[in-house]
Amino acid sequence: MELLPEDNLKSNLLLLLLLHLFVGSFAGDCPKPEVGENMVLSEAALLKNDFPEGSKVLLECARGYEKASGSGTIDCVDNKWTEPDLNCKKLDCGQPKPEPHMSFNTSGGTVFGSRIKVICEEGYWILGTSFKHCYATGWFGKATCKIFTCPKPAEVKNGKNSWIADTVPEYGQVINFTCNEGYVLSGSKNITCGKTKYDSPPPQCIERTTASPSATTVIARIFTSISTPQQGDKFITFEKKAPRTSEPSSTTTSLKGI
């Protein structure tokens, strides 16, 4: 059966369409590119669904990374992508901003994903987080070093302390104590503010007492000599001793020259 010219035309068009579809499907279309953990497709590449032969796609460094070298461009050649030349490295947050009375342990590094420890000077404590983390936007984690304080020193009866400020004592400050006239200190004359408390309790002022009399008293002797002329050069002498403390008085009489 001989085909009419009109039918030949339709057949030829159908064959051309099938050939185009067949050839187009094997003409080198590339799949959507797959990237590594430190790379991402550019926004323009993400919006595409088809990547025909000769297509170019731009790769970028992922969040937290920066370009070290390379252009980042890959090409669709023979149904596959060329190897990317982009090299990405982790962002370096650098040294944290200095804070009063604070230092950092950066032994674990300062690049993206690192964690460093916050250290306060002796006598200070950490208000906030004890660590800082390096994110894509920089260091994250707020901390402040606060000095330790102690309560105001207690009042001492019959005495006083040297603290006259309205604020509370801080770490390392020393409080001195004195007693009023007629009183003496019992305990330490000064206390030092440590980590929330003093190194010793406050002293007391006790009344000064009169010294007790000695067990041995000085014995005063008063000698009175009474001479009475006798025969010739003979005479009689009487000796009198003063009384001792807390003892009955006694009188001693001596006869001399008889």
C-alpha atoms as a PDB file:
ATOM      1  CA  MET A   1       0.000   0.000   0.000  1.00  0.00           C
ATOM      2  CA  GLU A   2       1.436   3.242  -1.079  1.00  0.00           C
ATOM      3  CA  LEU A   3       1.404   6.114   1.374  1.00  0.00           C
ATOM      4  CA  LEU A   4       0.039   9.429   0.394  1.00  0.00           C
ATOM      5  CA  PRO A   5       2.362  12.462   0.494  1.00  0.00           C
ATOM      6  CA  GLU A   6       0.453  13.822   3.456  1.00  0.00           C
ATOM      7  CA  ASP A   7       0.913  10.577   5.351  1.00  0.00           C
ATOM      8  CA  ASN A   8       4.665  10.567   4.518  1.00  0.00           C
ATOM      9  CA  LEU A   9       5.002  14.020   5.988  1.00  0.00           C
ATOM     10  CA  LYS A  10       3.348  12.982   9.232  1.00  0.00           C
ATOM     11  CA  SER A  11       5.508   9.886   9.480  1.00  0.00           C
ATOM     12  CA  ASN A  12       8.674  11.881   8.931  1.00  0.00           C
ATOM     13  CA  LEU A  13       7.699  14.400  11.596  1.00  0.00           C
ATOM     14  CA  LEU A  14       6.974  11.595  14.045  1.00  0.00           C
ATOM     15  CA  LEU A  15      10.341   9.985  13.334  1.00  0.00           C
ATOM     16  CA  LEU A  16      12.133  13.290  13.810  1.00  0.00           C
ATOM     17  CA  LEU A  17      10.365  13.885  17.130  1.00  0.00           C
ATOM     18  CA  LEU A  18      11.229  10.410  18.405  1.00  0.00           C
ATOM     19  CA  LEU A  19      14.816  10.826  17.252  1.00  0.00           C
ATOM     20  CA  HIS A  20      15.063  14.169  19.033  1.00  0.00           C
ATOM     21  CA  LEU A  21      13.692  12.718  22.252  1.00  0.00           C
ATOM     22  CA  PHE A  22      15.988   9.693  22.022  1.00  0.00           C
ATOM     23  CA  VAL A  23      19.104  11.669  21.242  1.00  0.00           C
ATOM     24  CA  GLY A  24      18.237  14.347  23.796  1.00  0.00           C
ATOM     25  CA  SER A  25      17.989  11.805  26.579  1.00  0.00           C
ATOM     26  CA  PHE A  26      21.513  10.568  25.842  1.00  0.00           C
ATOM     27  CA  ALA A  27      23.063  13.858  24.806  1.00  0.00           C
ATOM     28  CA  GLY A  28      25.067  14.277  28.051  1.00  0.00           C
ATOM     29  CA  ASP A  29      22.605  15.638  30.647  1.00  0.00           C
ATOM     30  CA  CYS A  30      24.147  15.627  34.100  1.00  0.00           C
ATOM     31  CA  PRO A  31      22.393  14.845  37.384  1.00  0.00           C
ATOM     32  CA  LYS A  32      22.125  17.417  40.091  1.00  0.00           C
ATOM     33  CA  PRO A  33      25.632  17.866  41.524  1.00  0.00           C
ATOM     34  CA  GLU A  34      26.469  16.262  44.857  1.00  0.00           C
ATOM     35  CA  VAL A  35      28.830  18.214  47.098  1.00  0.00           C
ATOM     36  CA  GLY A  36      30.918  17.459  50.170  1.00  0.00           C
ATOM     37  CA  GLU A  37      30.274  18.448  53.767  1.00  0.00           C
ATOM     38  CA  ASN A  38      32.168  21.712  53.490  1.00  0.00           C
ATOM     39  CA  MET A  39      30.658  22.815  50.135  1.00  0.00           C
ATOM     40  CA  VAL A  40      27.172  23.815  48.935  1.00  0.00           C
ATOM     41  CA  LEU A  41      25.570  24.672  45.602  1.00  0.00           C
ATOM     42  CA  SER A  42      25.162  28.340  44.817  1.00  0.00           C
ATOM     43  CA  GLU A  43      21.653  29.751  45.043  1.00  0.00           C
ATOM     44  CA  ALA A  44      21.381  29.849  41.220  1.00  0.00           C
ATOM     45  CA  ALA A  45      22.329  26.171  40.960  1.00  0.00           C
ATOM     46  CA  LEU A  46      19.803  25.201  43.613  1.00  0.00           C
ATOM     47  CA  LEU A  47      17.000  26.714  41.507  1.00  0.00           C
ATOM     48  CA  LYS A  48      17.856  24.574  38.442  1.00  0.00           C
ATOM     49  CA  ASN A  49      16.356  21.167  37.711  1.00  0.00           C
ATOM     50  CA  ASP A  50      18.047  20.357  34.385  1.00  0.00           C
ATOM     51  CA  PHE A  51      21.761  20.349  33.679  1.00  0.00           C
ATOM     52  CA  PRO A  52      22.357  19.739  29.987  1.00  0.00           C
ATOM     53  CA  GLU A  53      25.726  19.087  28.388  1.00  0.00           C
ATOM     54  CA  GLY A  54      28.033  22.068  28.831  1.00  0.00           C
ATOM     55  CA  SER A  55      26.253  23.417  31.892  1.00  0.00           C
ATOM     56  CA  LYS A  56      28.327  25.214  34.506  1.00  0.00           C
ATOM     57  CA  VAL A  57      27.556  25.208  38.215  1.00  0.00           C
ATOM     58  CA  LEU A  58      29.124  27.309  40.927  1.00  0.00           C
ATOM     59  CA  LEU A  59      30.003  25.754  44.276  1.00  0.00           C
ATOM     60  CA  GLU A  60      30.466  27.746  47.497  1.00  0.00           C
ATOM     61  CA  CYS A  61      31.966  27.001  50.888  1.00  0.00           C
ATOM     62  CA  ALA A  62      29.484  25.851  53.513  1.00  0.00           C
ATOM     63  CA  ARG A  63      28.588  27.881  56.578  1.00  0.00           C
ATOM     64  CA  GLY A  64      31.531  27.983  58.968  1.00  0.00           C
ATOM     65  CA  TYR A  65      34.068  27.561  56.132  1.00  0.00           C
ATOM     66  CA  GLU A  66      35.891  29.989  53.855  1.00  0.00           C
ATOM     67  CA  LYS A  67      37.546  29.604  50.475  1.00  0.00           C
ATOM     68  CA  ALA A  68      41.207  28.711  50.610  1.00  0.00           C
ATOM     69  CA  SER A  69      41.732  28.333  46.835  1.00  0.00           C
ATOM     70  CA  GLY A  70      39.971  27.441  43.586  1.00  0.00           C
ATOM     71  CA  SER A  71      37.179  28.951  41.496  1.00  0.00           C
ATOM     72  CA  GLY A  72      34.355  26.685  42.616  1.00  0.00           C
ATOM     73  CA  THR A  73      33.097  26.089  39.032  1.00  0.00           C
ATOM     74  CA  ILE A  74      32.282  22.581  37.728  1.00  0.00           C
ATOM     75  CA  ASP A  75      31.233  21.611  34.156  1.00  0.00           C
ATOM     76  CA  CYS A  76      28.866  19.000  32.771  1.00  0.00           C
ATOM     77  CA  VAL A  77      30.953  16.953  30.311  1.00  0.00           C
ATOM     78  CA  ASP A  78      29.870  13.578  28.882  1.00  0.00           C
ATOM     79  CA  ASN A  79      27.064  13.097  31.314  1.00  0.00           C
ATOM     80  CA  LYS A  80      29.187  13.783  34.400  1.00  0.00           C
ATOM     81  CA  TRP A  81      30.601  16.674  36.355  1.00  0.00           C
ATOM     82  CA  THR A  82      34.222  17.680  36.385  1.00  0.00           C
ATOM     83  CA  GLU A  83      36.081  17.492  39.665  1.00  0.00           C
ATOM     84  CA  PRO A  84      35.731  20.683  41.738  1.00  0.00           C
ATOM     85  CA  ASP A  85      38.892  22.701  42.362  1.00  0.00           C
ATOM     86  CA  LEU A  86      37.411  24.534  45.363  1.00  0.00           C
ATOM     87  CA  ASN A  87      39.249  24.104  48.656  1.00  0.00           C
ATOM     88  CA  CYS A  88      37.443  25.216  51.820  1.00  0.00           C
ATOM     89  CA  LYS A  89      38.900  25.603  55.302  1.00  0.00           C
ATOM     90  CA  LYS A  90      37.300  26.212  58.657  1.00  0.00           C
ATOM     91  CA  LEU A  91      36.807  29.787  59.786  1.00  0.00           C
ATOM     92  CA  ASP A  92      39.144  30.888  62.557  1.00  0.00           C
ATOM     93  CA  CYS A  93      37.456  32.851  65.338  1.00  0.00           C
ATOM     94  CA  GLY A  94      40.859  33.976  66.640  1.00  0.00           C
ATOM     95  CA  GLN A  95      41.494  34.923  70.252  1.00  0.00           C
ATOM     96  CA  PRO A  96      38.384  35.991  72.190  1.00  0.00           C
ATOM     97  CA  LYS A  97      37.984  39.608  73.185  1.00  0.00           C
ATOM     98  CA  PRO A  98      39.839  40.255  76.467  1.00  0.00           C
ATOM     99  CA  GLU A  99      37.674  40.617  79.562  1.00  0.00           C
ATOM    100  CA  PRO A 100      38.726  42.028  82.974  1.00  0.00           C
ATOM    101  CA  HIS A 101      40.230  39.385  85.299  1.00  0.00           C
ATOM    102  CA  MET A 102      39.577  36.655  82.679  1.00  0.00           C
ATOM    103  CA  SER A 103      41.727  34.321  80.570  1.00  0.00           C
ATOM    104  CA  PHE A 104      40.983  31.393  78.234  1.00  0.00           C
ATOM    105  CA  ASN A 105      42.274  27.872  77.700  1.00  0.00           C
ATOM    106  CA  THR A 106      42.570  27.649  73.894  1.00  0.00           C
ATOM    107  CA  SER A 107      44.486  24.365  73.765  1.00  0.00           C
ATOM    108  CA  GLY A 108      41.630  22.876  71.704  1.00  0.00           C
ATOM    109  CA  GLY A 109      42.023  25.468  68.936  1.00  0.00           C
ATOM    110  CA  THR A 110      40.046  28.522  67.834  1.00  0.00           C
ATOM    111  CA  VAL A 111      38.557  27.366  64.510  1.00  0.00           C
ATOM    112  CA  PHE A 112      34.909  26.701  63.645  1.00  0.00           C
ATOM    113  CA  GLY A 113      33.437  24.109  66.029  1.00  0.00           C
ATOM    114  CA  SER A 114      36.062  24.619  68.738  1.00  0.00           C
ATOM    115  CA  ARG A 115      35.252  25.123  72.406  1.00  0.00           C
ATOM    116  CA  ILE A 116      37.417  27.039  74.880  1.00  0.00           C
ATOM    117  CA  LYS A 117      37.270  27.211  78.684  1.00  0.00           C
ATOM    118  CA  VAL A 118      36.790  30.474  80.592  1.00  0.00           C
ATOM    119  CA  ILE A 119      39.149  31.005  83.573  1.00  0.00           C
ATOM    120  CA  CYS A 120      38.821  33.746  86.207  1.00  0.00           C
ATOM    121  CA  GLU A 121      41.659  35.117  88.338  1.00  0.00           C
ATOM    122  CA  GLU A 122      42.066  34.030  91.967  1.00  0.00           C
ATOM    123  CA  GLY A 123      39.368  35.676  94.080  1.00  0.00           C
ATOM    124  CA  TYR A 124      36.867  35.895  91.201  1.00  0.00           C
ATOM    125  CA  TRP A 125      33.997  33.631  90.105  1.00  0.00           C
ATOM    126  CA  ILE A 126      32.305  33.088  86.712  1.00  0.00           C
ATOM    127  CA  LEU A 127      28.927  34.687  86.078  1.00  0.00           C
ATOM    128  CA  GLY A 128      27.520  33.067  82.923  1.00  0.00           C
ATOM    129  CA  THR A 129      28.783  30.155  80.844  1.00  0.00           C
ATOM    130  CA  SER A 130      32.095  28.425  81.591  1.00  0.00           C
ATOM    131  CA  PHE A 131      32.811  27.840  77.865  1.00  0.00           C
ATOM    132  CA  LYS A 132      32.765  29.764  74.591  1.00  0.00           C
ATOM    133  CA  HIS A 133      32.005  28.126  71.217  1.00  0.00           C
ATOM    134  CA  CYS A 134      33.348  29.174  67.816  1.00  0.00           C
ATOM    135  CA  TYR A 135      30.402  29.491  65.408  1.00  0.00           C
ATOM    136  CA  ALA A 136      30.219  30.887  61.874  1.00  0.00           C
ATOM    137  CA  THR A 137      29.392  34.299  63.347  1.00  0.00           C
ATOM    138  CA  GLY A 138      32.262  34.219  65.878  1.00  0.00           C
ATOM    139  CA  TRP A 139      32.531  33.348  69.546  1.00  0.00           C
ATOM    140  CA  PHE A 140      29.308  32.533  71.367  1.00  0.00           C
ATOM    141  CA  GLY A 141      28.908  32.384  75.160  1.00  0.00           C
ATOM    142  CA  LYS A 142      28.692  35.296  77.559  1.00  0.00           C
ATOM    143  CA  ALA A 143      30.666  35.309  80.800  1.00  0.00           C
ATOM    144  CA  THR A 144      31.896  37.835  83.367  1.00  0.00           C
ATOM    145  CA  CYS A 145      34.350  37.463  86.247  1.00  0.00           C
ATOM    146  CA  LYS A 146      32.922  38.771  89.529  1.00  0.00           C
ATOM    147  CA  ILE A 147      34.962  39.286  92.689  1.00  0.00           C
ATOM    148  CA  PHE A 148      34.040  37.355  95.842  1.00  0.00           C
ATOM    149  CA  THR A 149      32.556  39.420  98.670  1.00  0.00           C
ATOM    150  CA  CYS A 150      31.964  38.916 102.381  1.00  0.00           C
ATOM    151  CA  PRO A 151      29.204  40.228 104.672  1.00  0.00           C
ATOM    152  CA  LYS A 152      29.937  43.410 106.575  1.00  0.00           C
ATOM    153  CA  PRO A 153      31.986  42.585 109.702  1.00  0.00           C
ATOM    154  CA  ALA A 154      29.996  42.161 112.895  1.00  0.00           C
ATOM    155  CA  GLU A 155      30.040  44.895 115.528  1.00  0.00           C
ATOM    156  CA  VAL A 156      32.194  44.073 118.543  1.00  0.00           C
ATOM    157  CA  LYS A 157      30.863  44.982 121.959  1.00  0.00           C
ATOM    158  CA  ASN A 158      33.132  47.445 123.784  1.00  0.00           C
ATOM    159  CA  GLY A 159      35.208  47.836 120.607  1.00  0.00           C
ATOM    160  CA  LYS A 160      35.101  48.751 116.926  1.00  0.00           C
ATOM    161  CA  ASN A 161      36.338  47.634 113.494  1.00  0.00           C
ATOM    162  CA  SER A 162      38.022  49.554 110.698  1.00  0.00           C
ATOM    163  CA  TRP A 163      35.302  49.008 108.066  1.00  0.00           C
ATOM    164  CA  ILE A 164      33.432  52.286 107.480  1.00  0.00           C
ATOM    165  CA  ALA A 165      32.338  51.912 103.816  1.00  0.00           C
ATOM    166  CA  ASP A 166      28.706  51.401 102.785  1.00  0.00           C
ATOM    167  CA  THR A 167      29.700  48.537 100.476  1.00  0.00           C
ATOM    168  CA  VAL A 168      30.611  45.013 101.568  1.00  0.00           C
ATOM    169  CA  PRO A 169      34.265  43.906 101.851  1.00  0.00           C
ATOM    170  CA  GLU A 170      35.810  42.225  98.801  1.00  0.00           C
ATOM    171  CA  TYR A 171      38.227  39.330  98.444  1.00  0.00           C
ATOM    172  CA  GLY A 172      41.590  40.046 100.086  1.00  0.00           C
ATOM    173  CA  GLN A 173      40.501  43.082 102.106  1.00  0.00           C
ATOM    174  CA  VAL A 174      41.534  43.132 105.770  1.00  0.00           C
ATOM    175  CA  ILE A 175      39.372  44.289 108.701  1.00  0.00           C
ATOM    176  CA  ASN A 176      41.158  45.506 111.864  1.00  0.00           C
ATOM    177  CA  PHE A 177      39.647  45.508 115.363  1.00  0.00           C
ATOM    178  CA  THR A 178      40.398  47.644 118.452  1.00  0.00           C
ATOM    179  CA  CYS A 179      38.902  47.729 121.956  1.00  0.00           C
ATOM    180  CA  ASN A 180      37.728  50.618 124.086  1.00  0.00           C
ATOM    181  CA  GLU A 181      39.755  51.872 127.047  1.00  0.00           C
ATOM    182  CA  GLY A 182      39.801  49.297 129.803  1.00  0.00           C
ATOM    183  CA  TYR A 183      39.239  46.329 127.462  1.00  0.00           C
ATOM    184  CA  VAL A 184      41.600  43.970 125.700  1.00  0.00           C
ATOM    185  CA  LEU A 185      41.225  41.837 122.551  1.00  0.00           C
ATOM    186  CA  SER A 186      40.570  38.124 122.813  1.00  0.00           C
ATOM    187  CA  GLY A 187      41.234  36.556 119.406  1.00  0.00           C
ATOM    188  CA  SER A 188      42.783  37.788 116.152  1.00  0.00           C
ATOM    189  CA  LYS A 189      43.117  41.545 115.839  1.00  0.00           C
ATOM    190  CA  ASN A 190      42.344  41.386 112.090  1.00  0.00           C
ATOM    191  CA  ILE A 191      40.365  39.148 109.714  1.00  0.00           C
ATOM    192  CA  THR A 192      40.665  38.786 105.917  1.00  0.00           C
ATOM    193  CA  CYS A 193      37.800  38.390 103.432  1.00  0.00           C
ATOM    194  CA  GLY A 194      38.157  35.135 101.471  1.00  0.00           C
ATOM    195  CA  LYS A 195      35.779  33.336  99.104  1.00  0.00           C
ATOM    196  CA  THR A 196      32.431  34.418 100.616  1.00  0.00           C
ATOM    197  CA  LYS A 197      33.681  34.228 104.221  1.00  0.00           C
ATOM    198  CA  TYR A 198      36.431  35.482 106.544  1.00  0.00           C
ATOM    199  CA  ASP A 199      39.511  33.478 107.434  1.00  0.00           C
ATOM    200  CA  SER A 200      38.656  33.630 111.162  1.00  0.00           C
ATOM    201  CA  PRO A 201      35.798  34.801 113.427  1.00  0.00           C
ATOM    202  CA  PRO A 202      35.880  38.351 114.812  1.00  0.00           C
ATOM    203  CA  PRO A 203      37.585  38.835 118.208  1.00  0.00           C
ATOM    204  CA  GLN A 204      35.955  39.858 121.495  1.00  0.00           C
ATOM    205  CA  CYS A 205      36.738  42.724 123.821  1.00  0.00           C
ATOM    206  CA  ILE A 206      36.943  41.636 127.432  1.00  0.00           C
ATOM    207  CA  GLU A 207      37.338  43.814 130.492  1.00  0.00           C
ATOM    208  CA  ARG A 208      40.846  44.290 131.780  1.00  0.00           C
ATOM    209  CA  THR A 209      41.172  42.824 135.313  1.00  0.00           C
ATOM    210  CA  THR A 210      43.329  44.136 138.286  1.00  0.00           C
ATOM    211  CA  ALA A 211      46.427  42.056 138.872  1.00  0.00           C
ATOM    212  CA  SER A 212      46.158  39.677 141.881  1.00  0.00           C
ATOM    213  CA  PRO A 213      48.515  40.350 144.845  1.00  0.00           C
ATOM    214  CA  SER A 214      51.712  38.376 144.884  1.00  0.00           C
ATOM    215  CA  ALA A 215      51.822  35.283 147.075  1.00  0.00           C
ATOM    216  CA  THR A 216      54.958  36.585 148.706  1.00  0.00           C
ATOM    217  CA  THR A 217      54.739  40.025 150.170  1.00  0.00           C
ATOM    218  CA  VAL A 218      57.567  42.244 151.061  1.00  0.00           C
ATOM    219  CA  ILE A 219      57.967  42.213 154.804  1.00  0.00           C
ATOM    220  CA  ALA A 220      58.863  45.567 156.182  1.00  0.00           C
ATOM    221  CA  ARG A 221      60.763  45.501 159.386  1.00  0.00           C
ATOM    222  CA  ILE A 222      60.866  48.349 161.722  1.00  0.00           C
ATOM    223  CA  PHE A 223      63.478  48.058 164.351  1.00  0.00           C
ATOM    224  CA  THR A 224      63.107  50.097 167.514  1.00  0.00           C
ATOM    225  CA  SER A 225      65.976  50.009 169.879  1.00  0.00           C
ATOM    226  CA  ILE A 226      65.382  50.934 173.450  1.00  0.00           C
ATOM    227  CA  SER A 227      68.538  51.251 175.508  1.00  0.00           C
ATOM    228  CA  THR A 228      68.401  51.419 179.258  1.00  0.00           C
ATOM    229  CA  PRO A 229      71.667  52.070 181.078  1.00  0.00           C
ATOM    230  CA  GLN A 230      72.476  49.456 183.596  1.00  0.00           C
ATOM    231  CA  GLN A 231      75.473  48.792 185.628  1.00  0.00           C
ATOM    232  CA  GLY A 232      78.547  50.023 183.786  1.00  0.00           C
ATOM    233  CA  ASP A 233      78.365  49.678 180.025  1.00  0.00           C
ATOM    234  CA  LYS A 234      75.701  47.021 180.032  1.00  0.00           C
ATOM    235  CA  PHE A 235      72.381  47.781 178.382  1.00  0.00           C
ATOM    236  CA  ILE A 236      69.197  46.033 177.216  1.00  0.00           C
ATOM    237  CA  THR A 237      67.976  46.287 173.570  1.00  0.00           C
ATOM    238  CA  PHE A 238      64.371  45.553 172.545  1.00  0.00           C
ATOM    239  CA  GLU A 239      63.715  44.740 168.836  1.00  0.00           C
ATOM    240  CA  LYS A 240      60.161  45.017 167.345  1.00  0.00           C
ATOM    241  CA  LYS A 241      59.163  43.512 163.971  1.00  0.00           C
ATOM    242  CA  ALA A 242      56.261  44.900 161.959  1.00  0.00           C
ATOM    243  CA  PRO A 243      53.375  42.473 161.289  1.00  0.00           C
ATOM    244  CA  ARG A 244      53.282  40.399 158.023  1.00  0.00           C
ATOM    245  CA  THR A 245      50.392  40.585 155.617  1.00  0.00           C
ATOM    246  CA  SER A 246      47.614  38.148 156.517  1.00  0.00           C
ATOM    247  CA  GLU A 247      49.626  36.887 159.521  1.00  0.00           C
ATOM    248  CA  PRO A 248      49.253  37.765 163.205  1.00  0.00           C
ATOM    249  CA  SER A 249      51.697  40.295 164.429  1.00  0.00           C
ATOM    250  CA  SER A 250      54.545  39.180 166.633  1.00  0.00           C
ATOM    251  CA  THR A 251      57.062  40.957 168.871  1.00  0.00           C
ATOM    252  CA  THR A 252      60.556  39.717 169.434  1.00  0.00           C
ATOM    253  CA  THR A 253      62.569  40.924 172.376  1.00  0.00           C
ATOM    254  CA  SER A 254      66.311  40.536 172.466  1.00  0.00           C
ATOM    255  CA  LEU A 255      68.466  41.037 175.465  1.00  0.00           C
ATOM    256  CA  LYS A 256      71.908  42.147 174.628  1.00  0.00           C
ATOM    257  CA  GLY A 257      74.852  43.005 176.727  1.00  0.00           C
ATOM    258  CA  ILE A 258      73.513  41.245 179.815  1.00  0.00           C
END
